[in-house]
PDB file of N, CA and C in Angstrom:
ATOM      1  N   MET A   1    -104.268  79.029  68.323  1.00  0.00           N
ATOM      2  CA  MET A   1    -104.831  77.777  69.721  1.00  0.00           C
ATOM      3  C   MET A   1    -106.373  76.806  68.537  1.00  0.00           C
ATOM      4  N   ASN A   2    -106.730  77.955  68.925  1.00  0.00           N
ATOM      5  CA  ASN A   2    -108.207  77.572  68.918  1.00  0.00           C
ATOM      6  C   ASN A   2    -109.039  78.319  67.008  1.00  0.00           C
ATOM      7  N   ILE A   3    -108.261  78.744  66.681  1.00  0.00           N
ATOM      8  CA  ILE A   3    -108.571  78.433  65.035  1.00  0.00           C
ATOM      9  C   ILE A   3    -108.177  77.555  64.634  1.00  0.00           C
ATOM     10  N   SER A   4    -106.924  76.802  64.280  1.00  0.00           N
ATOM     11  CA  SER A   4    -106.490  75.850  63.807  1.00  0.00           C
ATOM     12  C   SER A   4    -107.093  74.383  64.429  1.00  0.00           C
ATOM     13  N   PHE A   5    -107.277  74.788  65.360  1.00  0.00           N
ATOM     14  CA  PHE A   5    -108.586  73.423  65.800  1.00  0.00           C
ATOM     15  C   PHE A   5    -109.747  73.368  65.339  1.00  0.00           C
ATOM     16  N   GLN A   6    -110.455  74.936  64.684  1.00  0.00           N
ATOM     17  CA  GLN A   6    -111.757  75.153  64.194  1.00  0.00           C
ATOM     18  C   GLN A   6    -111.981  75.077  62.481  1.00  0.00           C
ATOM     19  N   CYS A   7    -110.917  75.182  62.370  1.00  0.00           N
ATOM     20  CA  CYS A   7    -110.032  74.935  60.331  1.00  0.00           C
ATOM     21  C   CYS A   7    -109.961  72.498  60.080  1.00  0.00           C
ATOM     22  N   GLN A   8    -109.386  72.693  61.641  1.00  0.00           N
ATOM     23  CA  GLN A   8    -109.134  70.959  61.843  1.00  0.00           C
ATOM     24  C   GLN A   8    -110.625  69.962  61.992  1.00  0.00           C
ATOM     25  N   ASN A   9    -111.556  70.578  62.001  1.00  0.00           N
ATOM     26  CA  ASN A   9    -113.096  70.091  62.345  1.00  0.00           C
ATOM     27  C   ASN A   9    -113.630  70.629  61.049  1.00  0.00           C
ATOM     28  N   SER A  10    -112.884  71.949  60.762  1.00  0.00           N
ATOM     29  CA  SER A  10    -114.409  72.010  59.750  1.00  0.00           C
ATOM     30  C   SER A  10    -113.478  71.585  58.082  1.00  0.00           C
ATOM     31  N   PHE A  11    -112.518  70.924  58.468  1.00  0.00           N
ATOM     32  CA  PHE A  11    -111.850  69.719  57.652  1.00  0.00           C
ATOM     33  C   PHE A  11    -112.109  68.453  57.491  1.00  0.00           C
ATOM     34  N   ARG A  12    -112.296  68.205  58.956  1.00  0.00           N
ATOM     35  CA  ARG A  12    -112.891  66.520  59.430  1.00  0.00           C
ATOM     36  C   ARG A  12    -113.859  66.218  58.757  1.00  0.00           C
ATOM     37  N   TYR A  13    -115.353  67.749  58.926  1.00  0.00           N
ATOM     38  CA  TYR A  13    -116.616  67.909  58.731  1.00  0.00           C
ATOM     39  C   TYR A  13    -116.062  67.472  56.886  1.00  0.00           C
ATOM     40  N   GLN A  14    -115.958  68.022  56.252  1.00  0.00           N
ATOM     41  CA  GLN A  14    -115.950  67.896  55.065  1.00  0.00           C
ATOM     42  C   GLN A  14    -115.288  66.993  54.182  1.00  0.00           C
ATOM     43  N   ASN A  15    -114.396  66.161  54.890  1.00  0.00           N
ATOM     44  CA  ASN A  15    -114.084  64.694  54.323  1.00  0.00           C
ATOM     45  C   ASN A  15    -114.996  63.682  54.581  1.00  0.00           C
ATOM     46  N   VAL A  16    -115.838  63.520  56.361  1.00  0.00           N
ATOM     47  CA  VAL A  16    -116.865  63.405  56.330  1.00  0.00           C
ATOM     48  C   VAL A  16    -118.011  63.088  55.346  1.00  0.00           C
ATOM     49  N   ILE A  17    -118.337  64.570  54.515  1.00  0.00           N
ATOM     50  CA  ILE A  17    -119.350  64.392  53.519  1.00  0.00           C
ATOM     51  C   ILE A  17    -119.068  64.547  52.289  1.00  0.00           C
ATOM     52  N   ILE A  18    -118.295  64.185  52.112  1.00  0.00           N
ATOM     53  CA  ILE A  18    -117.146  63.239  50.448  1.00  0.00           C
ATOM     54  C   ILE A  18    -116.727  62.011  51.097  1.00  0.00           C
ATOM     55  N   THR A  19    -116.276  61.300  51.721  1.00  0.00           N
ATOM     56  CA  THR A  19    -116.507  60.339  51.543  1.00  0.00           C
ATOM     57  C   THR A  19    -118.534  60.095  52.242  1.00  0.00           C
ATOM     58  N   PHE A  20    -119.237  60.267  53.104  1.00  0.00           N
ATOM     59  CA  PHE A  20    -120.608  60.105  52.356  1.00  0.00           C
ATOM     60  C   PHE A  20    -121.568  60.386  51.373  1.00  0.00           C
ATOM     61  N   TYR A  21    -120.633  60.947  50.254  1.00  0.00           N
ATOM     62  CA  TYR A  21    -120.800  61.163  49.355  1.00  0.00           C
ATOM     63  C   TYR A  21    -120.654  60.239  48.178  1.00  0.00           C
ATOM     64  N   ILE A  22    -119.351  59.802  48.081  1.00  0.00           N
ATOM     65  CA  ILE A  22    -118.887  58.922  47.406  1.00  0.00           C
ATOM     66  C   ILE A  22    -119.468  58.139  47.218  1.00  0.00           C
ATOM     67  N   TYR A  23    -119.321  57.664  48.349  1.00  0.00           N
ATOM     68  CA  TYR A  23    -119.938  55.889  48.815  1.00  0.00           C
ATOM     69  C   TYR A  23    -121.511  55.115  49.780  1.00  0.00           C
ATOM     70  N   ILE A  24    -121.723  56.728  50.097  1.00  0.00           N
ATOM     71  CA  ILE A  24    -123.285  56.564  49.842  1.00  0.00           C
ATOM     72  C   ILE A  24    -124.185  56.784  48.638  1.00  0.00           C
ATOM     73  N   LEU A  25    -124.181  57.879  47.964  1.00  0.00           N
ATOM     74  CA  LEU A  25    -124.890  58.862  47.474  1.00  0.00           C
ATOM     75  C   LEU A  25    -124.858  58.418  45.678  1.00  0.00           C
ATOM     76  N   LEU A  26    -123.119  58.154  45.706  1.00  0.00           N
ATOM     77  CA  LEU A  26    -122.884  57.840  44.475  1.00  0.00           C
ATOM     78  C   LEU A  26    -123.667  56.593  43.628  1.00  0.00           C
ATOM     79  N   PRO A  27    -123.601  55.594  44.803  1.00  0.00           N
ATOM     80  CA  PRO A  27    -124.167  54.451  44.114  1.00  0.00           C
ATOM     81  C   PRO A  27    -125.795  53.806  44.595  1.00  0.00           C
ATOM     82  N   LEU A  28    -126.029  55.289  45.639  1.00  0.00           N
ATOM     83  CA  LEU A  28    -127.992  54.949  45.159  1.00  0.00           C
ATOM     84  C   LEU A  28    -128.227  55.971  43.928  1.00  0.00           C
ATOM     85  N   LEU A  29    -127.169  56.801  43.553  1.00  0.00           N
ATOM     86  CA  LEU A  29    -127.294  57.434  42.176  1.00  0.00           C
ATOM     87  C   LEU A  29    -127.747  55.781  40.668  1.00  0.00           C
ATOM     88  N   GLN A  30    -126.684  55.687  40.809  1.00  0.00           N
ATOM     89  CA  GLN A  30    -126.081  54.273  40.233  1.00  0.00           C
ATOM     90  C   GLN A  30    -127.226  53.343  39.950  1.00  0.00           C
ATOM     91  N   LEU A  31    -127.754  53.084  41.140  1.00  0.00           N
ATOM     92  CA  LEU A  31    -128.966  51.736  41.555  1.00  0.00           C
ATOM     93  C   LEU A  31    -130.330  52.676  40.525  1.00  0.00           C
ATOM     94  N   VAL A  32    -130.579  53.722  40.656  1.00  0.00           N
ATOM     95  CA  VAL A  32    -131.278  54.737  39.879  1.00  0.00           C
ATOM     96  C   VAL A  32    -131.866  55.005  38.966  1.00  0.00           C
ATOM     97  N   LYS A  33    -130.472  54.776  38.661  1.00  0.00           N
ATOM     98  CA  LYS A  33    -129.755  54.917  37.629  1.00  0.00           C
ATOM     99  C   LYS A  33    -130.307  53.675  36.248  1.00  0.00           C
ATOM    100  N   ASN A  34    -129.690  52.592  37.296  1.00  0.00           N
ATOM    101  CA  ASN A  34    -129.845  51.202  36.417  1.00  0.00           C
ATOM    102  C   ASN A  34    -131.155  51.463  36.449  1.00  0.00           C
ATOM    103  N   GLN A  35    -132.351  51.124  37.387  1.00  0.00           N
ATOM    104  CA  GLN A  35    -133.336  51.515  37.340  1.00  0.00           C
ATOM    105  C   GLN A  35    -133.865  51.438  36.707  1.00  0.00           C
ATOM    106  N   ALA A  36    -134.219  53.127  36.198  1.00  0.00           N
ATOM    107  CA  ALA A  36    -135.022  53.504  35.465  1.00  0.00           C
ATOM    108  C   ALA A  36    -133.963  53.279  33.572  1.00  0.00           C
ATOM    109  N   PHE A  37    -133.276  52.736  33.343  1.00  0.00           N
ATOM    110  CA  PHE A  37    -132.419  51.500  32.115  1.00  0.00           C
ATOM    111  C   PHE A  37    -133.544  51.185  32.108  1.00  0.00           C
ATOM    112  N   LEU A  38    -133.605  49.820  33.407  1.00  0.00           N
ATOM    113  CA  LEU A  38    -134.423  48.972  32.986  1.00  0.00           C
ATOM    114  C   LEU A  38    -135.737  48.430  32.998  1.00  0.00           C
ATOM    115  N   VAL A  39    -136.259  49.980  33.158  1.00  0.00           N
ATOM    116  CA  VAL A  39    -137.884  49.912  33.292  1.00  0.00           C
ATOM    117  C   VAL A  39    -137.381  51.005  31.837  1.00  0.00           C
ATOM    118  N   ARG A  40    -137.030  51.919  30.727  1.00  0.00           N
ATOM    119  CA  ARG A  40    -136.839  51.805  29.474  1.00  0.00           C
ATOM    120  C   ARG A  40    -136.859  50.426  28.865  1.00  0.00           C
ATOM    121  N   LYS A  41    -136.016  49.595  28.998  1.00  0.00           N
ATOM    122  CA  LYS A  41    -135.433  48.466  28.354  1.00  0.00           C
ATOM    123  C   LYS A  41    -136.925  47.855  28.197  1.00  0.00           C
ATOM    124  N   ASN A  42    -137.559  47.487  29.575  1.00  0.00           N
ATOM    125  CA  ASN A  42    -138.133  46.890  29.753  1.00  0.00           C
ATOM    126  C   ASN A  42    -139.480  47.423  28.382  1.00  0.00           C
ATOM    127  N   ASN A  43    -140.311  48.634  28.773  1.00  0.00           N
ATOM    128  CA  ASN A  43    -141.287  49.106  28.528  1.00  0.00           C
ATOM    129  C   ASN A  43    -141.106  49.030  26.279  1.00  0.00           C
ATOM    130  N   LEU A  44    -139.840  49.567  26.234  1.00  0.00           N
ATOM    131  CA  LEU A  44    -139.254  49.598  24.368  1.00  0.00           C
ATOM    132  C   LEU A  44    -138.871  47.261  24.960  1.00  0.00           C
ATOM    133  N   LYS A  45    -139.236  46.404  25.162  1.00  0.00           N
ATOM    134  CA  LYS A  45    -138.957  45.452  24.762  1.00  0.00           C
ATOM    135  C   LYS A  45    -141.096  45.591  24.434  1.00  0.00           C
ATOM    136  N   MET A  46    -141.388  45.032  26.076  1.00  0.00           N
ATOM    137  CA  MET A  46    -143.737  45.657  25.543  1.00  0.00           C
ATOM    138  C   MET A  46    -143.758  45.607  24.557  1.00  0.00           C
ATOM    139  N   VAL A  47    -143.300  47.130  24.018  1.00  0.00           N
ATOM    140  CA  VAL A  47    -143.718  47.748  22.628  1.00  0.00           C
ATOM    141  C   VAL A  47    -143.286  46.820  21.607  1.00  0.00           C
ATOM    142  N   GLU A  48    -142.187  46.122  21.851  1.00  0.00           N
ATOM    143  CA  GLU A  48    -141.815  45.391  20.295  1.00  0.00           C
ATOM    144  C   GLU A  48    -142.284  44.429  19.889  1.00  0.00           C
ATOM    145  N   ASN A  49    -143.012  43.894  21.392  1.00  0.00           N
ATOM    146  CA  ASN A  49    -144.409  42.761  21.063  1.00  0.00           C
ATOM    147  C   ASN A  49    -144.939  43.242  21.001  1.00  0.00           C
ATOM    148  N   ASN A  50    -145.781  43.934  21.450  1.00  0.00           N
ATOM    149  CA  ASN A  50    -146.949  44.177  20.601  1.00  0.00           C
ATOM    150  C   ASN A  50    -147.010  44.184  19.241  1.00  0.00           C
ATOM    151  N   ASN A  51    -146.076  44.747  19.479  1.00  0.00           N
ATOM    152  CA  ASN A  51    -145.696  45.238  17.235  1.00  0.00           C
ATOM    153  C   ASN A  51    -145.959  43.648  16.575  1.00  0.00           C
ATOM    154  N   ILE A  52    -145.169  43.092  17.003  1.00  0.00           N
ATOM    155  CA  ILE A  52    -144.906  41.851  17.069  1.00  0.00           C
ATOM    156  C   ILE A  52    -146.382  40.916  17.045  1.00  0.00           C
ATOM    157  N   MET A  53    -147.256  41.068  17.779  1.00  0.00           N
ATOM    158  CA  MET A  53    -148.715  40.233  17.785  1.00  0.00           C
ATOM    159  C   MET A  53    -148.882  40.610  16.777  1.00  0.00           C
ATOM    160  N   LYS A  54    -148.855  42.551  16.886  1.00  0.00           N
ATOM    161  CA  LYS A  54    -149.979  42.521  16.049  1.00  0.00           C
ATOM    162  C   LYS A  54    -150.125  42.732  14.922  1.00  0.00           C
ATOM    163  N   LYS A  55    -148.803  42.311  14.286  1.00  0.00           N
ATOM    164  CA  LYS A  55    -147.959  41.687  12.728  1.00  0.00           C
ATOM    165  C   LYS A  55    -149.062  40.551  12.885  1.00  0.00           C
ATOM    166  N   ARG A  56    -148.505  38.897  13.518  1.00  0.00           N
ATOM    167  CA  ARG A  56    -148.877  37.871  13.857  1.00  0.00           C
ATOM    168  C   ARG A  56    -150.655  37.939  13.740  1.00  0.00           C
ATOM    169  N   SER A  57    -151.568  38.819  14.447  1.00  0.00           N
ATOM    170  CA  SER A  57    -152.307  38.983  13.893  1.00  0.00           C
ATOM    171  C   SER A  57    -153.156  39.967  12.491  1.00  0.00           C
ATOM    172  N   ASP A  58    -152.270  40.787  12.077  1.00  0.00           N
ATOM    173  CA  ASP A  58    -152.897  41.044  10.968  1.00  0.00           C
ATOM    174  C   ASP A  58    -152.826  39.948   9.986  1.00  0.00           C
ATOM    175  N   LYS A  59    -151.740  38.874   9.909  1.00  0.00           N
ATOM    176  CA  LYS A  59    -150.928  38.289   8.909  1.00  0.00           C
ATOM    177  C   LYS A  59    -152.021  37.291   9.217  1.00  0.00           C
ATOM    178  N   LYS A  60    -153.158  36.472   9.825  1.00  0.00           N
ATOM    179  CA  LYS A  60    -154.097  35.522  10.535  1.00  0.00           C
ATOM    180  C   LYS A  60    -155.243  35.928   9.700  1.00  0.00           C
ATOM    181  N   GLY A  61    -155.555  36.927  10.459  1.00  0.00           N
ATOM    182  CA  GLY A  61    -156.923  37.573   9.816  1.00  0.00           C
ATOM    183  C   GLY A  61    -156.772  37.878   8.297  1.00  0.00           C
ATOM    184  N   GLY A  62    -155.774  37.937   7.940  1.00  0.00           N
ATOM    185  CA  GLY A  62    -155.214  37.897   6.230  1.00  0.00           C
ATOM    186  C   GLY A  62    -155.698  36.806   5.576  1.00  0.00           C
ATOM    187  N   GLU A  63    -154.932  35.914   5.741  1.00  0.00           N
ATOM    188  CA  GLU A  63    -155.425  34.842   5.761  1.00  0.00           C
ATOM    189  C   GLU A  63    -156.460  33.801   5.912  1.00  0.00           C
ATOM    190  N   LYS A  64    -157.768  34.584   6.435  1.00  0.00           N
ATOM    191  CA  LYS A  64    -159.090  33.848   7.319  1.00  0.00           C
ATOM    192  C   LYS A  64    -160.038  34.392   6.109  1.00  0.00           C
ATOM    193  N   ASN A  65    -159.670  36.145   5.895  1.00  0.00           N
ATOM    194  CA  ASN A  65    -160.194  36.763   4.249  1.00  0.00           C
ATOM    195  C   ASN A  65    -160.155  35.864   3.469  1.00  0.00           C
TER     196      ASN A  65
END
């Protein structure tokens, strides 16, 4: 009787841990991953814009001379 009760308890805790992982940790990980992706994407966009601005300034500088 006591042993089966302990087994049920451990299964219950295991289920709680699994549901915690699925419903809380996984979405948090997704958010973090998405945020990191957005930051990287913005950094790439900033680098591209920087390069475009450099090319434009080079062209303008060339026209002046």
